[in-house]
Amino acid sequence: MRLEEVKLKNFRGYKNFSNLKVHDLTALIGKNDAGKSTILEALEIFFNNKVVVCEKDDLSIDSSEDYIEISCVFSDFPENLTIDTSSETSLKDEFLLNQEGFLEIKKVFKCTSQKPKPVTFVICEHPINENYNDLLLLKKADLKKRAKLLNIPSECYSANNNASMRKAIYGNCMNLKLSLQEINVDKEDSKKVYAEIEKYLPMFALFQSDRSSLDSDKEVSDPMDIAVSQAIKGLEEEIDRIKKEVQAKTLETANRTLEKLKEMNSELANSLIPRFRTEPNFNKLFSVSIDSDEGISI
């Protein structure tokens, strides 16, 4: 995806919405303390929240509100999104694009704690009709009930596919009205859709040259981490095959263990189910640095 625009509200010196258009090359020019670094650090908070972390003191002193908003607008987003490996949808089908047809993501930081956590919204032209305005927040069983309530024939959708049911329900409305809304993407299927969107977000690395740096600083190591991530991106199929092989062999061993447990205590064994708690993070397996001929880290 391509970053098109940045919007800030209540962040340090930016009290009201301040919009910055982003191009292939964007230079920020101004006097000291004019707010150039603030924009770059706001982007670091939006994309990573690591090198610079949003803090309570980042709230504009002139603001009468208790929250910070950092928004980014993107183009060149993927045409289709795959959810749960079997469910395909798109931002257009889910009504998650703004008035200009762009993807606009807003992160809101409630400054009631020292290090506020973001709540994420998508600003979009979304249905406002009753029974059509909350579909992204409904679970599978509730979507089935909604489809039945609206008398949508079951052959028009797949009852095991949330995206299919939403598309059929939206298509059922003869006069679907849209309005610019903030859709919370931290809940139900909206969360799954946003998790897929995150895979395509641009990578952002902040390098702060106005202070002394160490090899261990995040802004120094991040570019190499990005290089590893980019390299891994082209190997998804091979990595996926390796993950499946490792999982299959691990589960095979686990199941053999359960068979032995059944011999000792059948009740205990029947209550145990082998499963993987987290997805393996291949990015963390590789650590890269650039050294000079003398072995000195660049």
Protein backbone atom coordinates (compact mmCIF):
# COMPACT_ATOMS: atom_id res chain seq x y z
CA MET A 1 0.00 0.00 0.00
CA ARG A 2 1.03 3.59 -0.54
CA LEU A 3 0.77 6.35 2.08
CA GLU A 4 -1.10 9.34 0.63
CA GLU A 5 -1.88 11.57 3.58
CA VAL A 6 -1.26 12.05 7.31
CA LYS A 7 -3.73 13.71 9.68
CA LEU A 8 -3.04 14.76 13.27
CA LYS A 9 -5.30 16.05 16.01
CA ASN A 10 -4.38 17.01 19.61
CA PHE A 11 -0.86 15.68 19.11
CA ARG A 12 1.71 18.00 20.70
CA GLY A 13 1.70 21.27 18.73
CA TYR A 14 -1.01 20.10 16.34
CA LYS A 15 -4.29 20.85 18.09
CA ASN A 16 -6.65 20.77 15.13
CA PHE A 17 -6.63 18.41 12.14
CA SER A 18 -3.43 19.04 10.19
CA ASN A 19 -3.16 17.31 6.83
CA LEU A 20 0.11 16.45 5.10
CA LYS A 21 0.03 15.08 1.56
CA VAL A 22 2.74 12.48 0.93
CA HIS A 23 4.46 11.99 -2.45
CA ASP A 24 7.35 9.92 -3.83
CA LEU A 25 9.71 12.40 -2.16
CA THR A 26 8.38 14.52 0.69
CA ALA A 27 10.62 17.04 2.46
CA LEU A 28 9.66 18.89 5.65
CA ILE A 29 11.30 22.30 5.88
CA GLY A 30 10.92 24.73 8.76
CA LYS A 31 12.49 26.43 11.75
CA ASN A 32 13.53 24.56 14.89
CA ASP A 33 10.52 23.41 16.92
CA ALA A 34 8.16 24.07 14.01
CA GLY A 35 6.82 20.50 14.28
CA LYS A 36 8.80 18.62 11.59
CA SER A 37 9.96 15.81 13.88
CA THR A 38 6.50 15.66 15.44
CA ILE A 39 5.03 14.45 12.14
CA LEU A 40 7.72 11.76 11.73
CA GLU A 41 7.30 10.62 15.32
CA ALA A 42 3.52 10.51 14.87
CA LEU A 43 4.10 8.13 11.94
CA GLU A 44 6.38 5.98 14.11
CA ILE A 45 3.62 5.79 16.73
CA PHE A 46 1.02 4.92 14.08
CA PHE A 47 3.04 2.16 12.42
CA ASN A 48 5.13 0.77 15.29
CA ASN A 49 4.74 2.60 18.63
CA LYS A 50 8.24 1.37 19.60
CA VAL A 51 11.09 3.84 18.93
CA VAL A 52 8.70 6.59 19.98
CA VAL A 53 5.80 5.52 22.21
CA CYS A 54 2.64 7.55 22.62
CA GLU A 55 2.53 9.08 26.09
CA LYS A 56 0.01 11.07 28.08
CA ASP A 57 2.21 14.17 27.81
CA ASP A 58 1.91 14.07 24.00
CA LEU A 59 -1.61 15.49 24.33
CA SER A 60 -1.70 19.09 23.07
CA ILE A 61 -1.71 21.49 26.03
CA ASP A 62 -4.24 23.66 24.20
CA SER A 63 -6.72 20.82 23.75
CA SER A 64 -9.90 20.62 25.79
CA GLU A 65 -10.21 16.94 24.80
CA ASP A 66 -8.42 13.97 26.38
CA TYR A 67 -7.47 12.00 23.28
CA ILE A 68 -4.95 12.04 20.42
CA GLU A 69 -5.82 11.08 16.84
CA ILE A 70 -3.27 9.94 14.25
CA SER A 71 -4.73 9.04 10.86
CA CYS A 72 -3.16 7.73 7.66
CA VAL A 73 -4.76 7.51 4.21
CA PHE A 74 -3.61 4.79 1.79
CA SER A 75 -3.97 3.92 -1.88
CA ASP A 76 -2.85 0.82 -3.82
CA PHE A 77 -4.50 -1.53 -1.33
CA PRO A 78 -5.10 -5.17 -2.32
CA GLU A 79 -8.20 -5.88 -4.39
CA ASN A 80 -9.09 -8.94 -2.34
CA LEU A 81 -8.56 -9.96 1.30
CA THR A 82 -8.56 -13.56 2.47
CA ILE A 83 -9.98 -14.19 5.95
CA ASP A 84 -9.64 -17.57 7.70
CA THR A 85 -8.09 -19.08 4.52
CA SER A 86 -11.53 -19.84 3.04
CA SER A 87 -13.31 -16.49 3.13
CA GLU A 88 -12.47 -13.90 0.44
CA THR A 89 -13.74 -10.34 0.51
CA SER A 90 -12.63 -6.80 -0.37
CA LEU A 91 -12.58 -3.35 1.19
CA LYS A 92 -15.14 -2.25 -1.38
CA ASP A 93 -17.50 -5.17 -0.61
CA GLU A 94 -17.21 -4.43 3.12
CA PHE A 95 -17.82 -0.68 2.57
CA LEU A 96 -14.49 0.26 4.18
CA LEU A 97 -13.33 2.98 1.76
CA ASN A 98 -13.68 6.73 2.30
CA GLN A 99 -15.38 9.25 0.01
CA GLU A 100 -12.34 9.39 -2.31
CA GLY A 101 -12.10 5.59 -2.55
CA PHE A 102 -9.04 5.43 -0.27
CA LEU A 103 -8.42 3.38 2.87
CA GLU A 104 -8.34 5.75 5.86
CA ILE A 105 -7.19 4.35 9.21
CA LYS A 106 -7.45 6.36 12.42
CA LYS A 107 -5.77 5.43 15.71
CA VAL A 108 -7.18 7.09 18.82
CA PHE A 109 -5.13 7.26 22.03
CA LYS A 110 -7.17 8.05 25.15
CA CYS A 111 -4.77 10.01 27.37
CA THR A 112 -6.12 8.83 30.72
CA SER A 113 -3.09 6.60 31.33
CA GLN A 114 0.63 7.34 31.09
CA LYS A 115 1.12 5.17 27.98
CA PRO A 116 -2.28 5.04 26.22
CA LYS A 117 -3.10 2.12 23.94
CA PRO A 118 -4.68 2.78 20.53
CA VAL A 119 -8.23 2.05 19.47
CA THR A 120 -8.32 1.60 15.69
CA PHE A 121 -11.04 2.85 13.35
CA VAL A 122 -11.55 2.84 9.59
CA ILE A 123 -13.12 6.05 8.27
CA CYS A 124 -15.43 4.99 5.47
CA GLU A 125 -18.67 5.40 3.54
CA HIS A 126 -20.65 2.72 5.39
CA PRO A 127 -24.33 1.67 5.31
CA ILE A 128 -26.60 3.40 7.83
CA ASN A 129 -29.83 1.48 7.14
CA GLU A 130 -31.18 -0.48 10.09
CA ASN A 131 -30.20 -4.17 9.89
CA TYR A 132 -27.36 -3.28 7.48
CA ASN A 133 -25.18 -0.95 9.58
CA ASP A 134 -23.67 -3.45 12.03
CA LEU A 135 -22.84 -6.53 9.96
CA LEU A 136 -19.07 -6.40 10.58
CA LEU A 137 -19.75 -6.63 14.31
CA LEU A 138 -21.99 -9.72 14.11
CA LYS A 139 -20.88 -13.28 14.78
CA LYS A 140 -21.71 -16.12 12.38
CA ALA A 141 -24.86 -17.19 14.25
CA ASP A 142 -26.12 -13.61 14.36
CA LEU A 143 -25.49 -13.15 10.62
CA LYS A 144 -27.55 -16.27 9.93
CA LYS A 145 -30.39 -14.86 12.05
CA ARG A 146 -30.17 -11.52 10.23
CA ALA A 147 -30.32 -13.24 6.83
CA LYS A 148 -33.42 -15.18 7.93
CA LEU A 149 -35.00 -12.01 9.36
CA LEU A 150 -34.58 -10.32 5.97
CA ASN A 151 -35.96 -13.41 4.16
CA ILE A 152 -32.81 -13.94 2.11
CA PRO A 153 -32.86 -17.39 0.43
CA SER A 154 -30.20 -19.71 1.86
CA GLU A 155 -28.96 -20.58 -1.64
CA CYS A 156 -27.82 -16.95 -2.03
CA TYR A 157 -24.96 -17.35 0.48
CA SER A 158 -22.70 -19.82 2.23
CA ALA A 159 -23.86 -20.27 5.83
CA ASN A 160 -20.27 -21.05 6.91
CA ASN A 161 -18.81 -17.93 5.35
CA ASN A 162 -19.37 -14.59 7.12
CA ALA A 163 -18.20 -12.53 4.13
CA SER A 164 -20.62 -14.40 1.86
CA MET A 165 -23.52 -13.73 4.24
CA ARG A 166 -22.65 -10.03 4.54
CA LYS A 167 -22.47 -9.67 0.75
CA ALA A 168 -25.89 -11.34 0.35
CA ILE A 169 -27.43 -9.14 3.05
CA TYR A 170 -26.02 -5.92 1.57
CA GLY A 171 -27.22 -7.01 -1.88
CA ASN A 172 -30.72 -7.55 -0.50
CA CYS A 173 -31.22 -3.85 0.29
CA MET A 174 -32.94 -1.96 -2.56
CA ASN A 175 -31.94 1.47 -1.21
CA LEU A 176 -28.65 1.13 0.65
CA LYS A 177 -27.77 4.51 2.17
CA LEU A 178 -24.13 5.34 2.90
CA SER A 179 -22.66 7.89 5.27
CA LEU A 180 -19.11 8.70 6.41
CA GLN A 181 -18.59 6.76 9.63
CA GLU A 182 -15.91 5.52 12.03
CA ILE A 183 -15.94 1.70 12.11
CA ASN A 184 -14.19 0.16 15.10
CA VAL A 185 -11.96 -2.62 13.77
CA ASP A 186 -11.04 -4.11 17.14
CA LYS A 187 -14.09 -6.39 17.35
CA GLU A 188 -15.52 -9.53 15.67
CA ASP A 189 -15.03 -9.84 11.88
CA SER A 190 -13.92 -6.23 11.55
CA LYS A 191 -10.87 -7.26 13.62
CA LYS A 192 -10.16 -10.16 11.23
CA VAL A 193 -10.45 -7.86 8.23
CA TYR A 194 -8.06 -5.35 9.82
CA ALA A 195 -5.57 -8.09 10.72
CA GLU A 196 -5.42 -8.92 7.00
CA ILE A 197 -5.08 -5.22 6.09
CA GLU A 198 -2.11 -4.89 8.48
CA LYS A 199 -0.13 -7.39 6.40
CA TYR A 200 -0.10 -4.88 3.52
CA LEU A 201 0.67 -1.69 5.46
CA PRO A 202 3.93 0.04 4.47
CA MET A 203 6.95 -0.49 6.73
CA PHE A 204 8.12 2.65 8.52
CA ALA A 205 11.58 3.09 10.06
CA LEU A 206 12.45 6.21 12.03
CA PHE A 207 16.14 7.16 12.18
CA GLN A 208 16.85 10.03 14.60
CA SER A 209 20.09 11.75 13.58
CA ASP A 210 19.90 14.62 16.09
CA ARG A 211 21.36 12.58 18.96
CA SER A 212 24.10 10.01 19.52
CA SER A 213 23.22 6.48 18.39
CA LEU A 214 24.14 3.01 19.59
CA ASP A 215 24.20 -0.26 17.68
CA SER A 216 21.42 -1.54 19.90
CA ASP A 217 19.04 1.37 19.17
CA LYS A 218 15.82 0.31 17.46
CA GLU A 219 16.23 2.87 14.67
CA VAL A 220 19.63 1.34 13.86
CA SER A 221 18.51 -2.29 13.94
CA ASP A 222 15.10 -1.68 12.35
CA PRO A 223 16.37 -1.28 8.74
CA MET A 224 18.00 -4.71 8.97
CA ASP A 225 14.83 -6.15 10.53
CA ILE A 226 12.92 -4.68 7.59
CA ALA A 227 15.37 -6.31 5.16
CA VAL A 228 14.68 -9.69 6.80
CA SER A 229 10.93 -9.11 6.67
CA GLN A 230 11.07 -8.17 3.00
CA ALA A 231 13.14 -11.27 2.20
CA ILE A 232 10.68 -13.51 4.05
CA LYS A 233 7.74 -11.95 2.18
CA GLY A 234 8.82 -13.66 -1.00
CA LEU A 235 8.99 -17.06 0.66
CA GLU A 236 5.51 -17.36 2.17
CA GLU A 237 4.64 -20.60 0.34
CA GLU A 238 7.86 -22.36 1.41
CA ILE A 239 7.52 -21.09 5.00
CA ASP A 240 3.88 -22.16 5.11
CA ARG A 241 4.86 -25.65 3.93
CA ILE A 242 7.58 -25.86 6.62
CA LYS A 243 5.12 -24.70 9.32
CA LYS A 244 2.60 -27.35 8.27
CA GLU A 245 5.25 -30.09 8.26
CA VAL A 246 6.52 -29.08 11.72
CA GLN A 247 2.95 -28.91 13.06
CA ALA A 248 2.06 -32.30 11.57
CA LYS A 249 5.14 -34.02 13.04
CA THR A 250 4.65 -32.31 16.41
CA LEU A 251 0.99 -33.34 16.58
CA GLU A 252 1.98 -36.86 15.61
CA THR A 253 4.32 -37.03 18.60
CA ALA A 254 1.69 -35.40 20.83
CA ASN A 255 -0.92 -37.93 19.78
CA ARG A 256 1.45 -40.82 20.50
CA THR A 257 1.97 -39.32 23.95
CA LEU A 258 -1.79 -39.18 24.45
CA GLU A 259 -2.12 -42.85 23.49
CA LYS A 260 0.34 -43.73 26.25
CA LEU A 261 -1.55 -41.52 28.69
CA LYS A 262 -4.76 -43.36 27.83
CA GLU A 263 -3.14 -46.60 28.94
CA MET A 264 -2.46 -45.03 32.35
CA ASN A 265 -5.55 -42.86 32.77
CA SER A 266 -8.19 -42.79 30.04
CA GLU A 267 -10.16 -39.91 31.61
CA LEU A 268 -7.11 -37.65 31.77
CA ALA A 269 -6.03 -38.45 28.23
CA ASN A 270 -9.47 -37.77 26.77
CA SER A 271 -9.43 -34.27 28.26
CA LEU A 272 -6.14 -33.28 26.59
CA ILE A 273 -6.06 -31.79 23.10
CA PRO A 274 -2.73 -30.90 21.45
CA ARG A 275 -2.69 -27.46 19.82
CA PHE A 276 -0.26 -24.67 18.95
CA ARG A 277 -0.69 -21.59 21.10
CA THR A 278 1.05 -19.08 18.82
CA GLU A 279 2.17 -18.78 15.21
CA PRO A 280 5.95 -19.12 14.75
CA ASN A 281 7.68 -15.78 14.08
CA PHE A 282 10.30 -16.43 11.41
CA ASN A 283 11.39 -12.76 11.46
CA LYS A 284 12.92 -13.31 14.91
CA LEU A 285 15.06 -16.23 13.73
CA PHE A 286 17.48 -13.99 11.82
CA SER A 287 19.72 -11.27 13.26
CA VAL A 288 21.62 -9.16 10.72
CA SER A 289 24.24 -6.43 11.11
CA ILE A 290 26.54 -4.67 8.66
CA ASP A 291 30.21 -4.66 9.65
CA SER A 292 33.25 -3.02 8.10
CA ASP A 293 36.39 -4.91 7.00
CA GLU A 294 37.71 -4.51 10.55
CA GLY A 295 34.54 -6.01 12.04
CA ILE A 296 33.26 -2.65 13.25
CA SER A 297 29.48 -2.28 13.09
CA ILE A 298 28.41 0.38 10.60
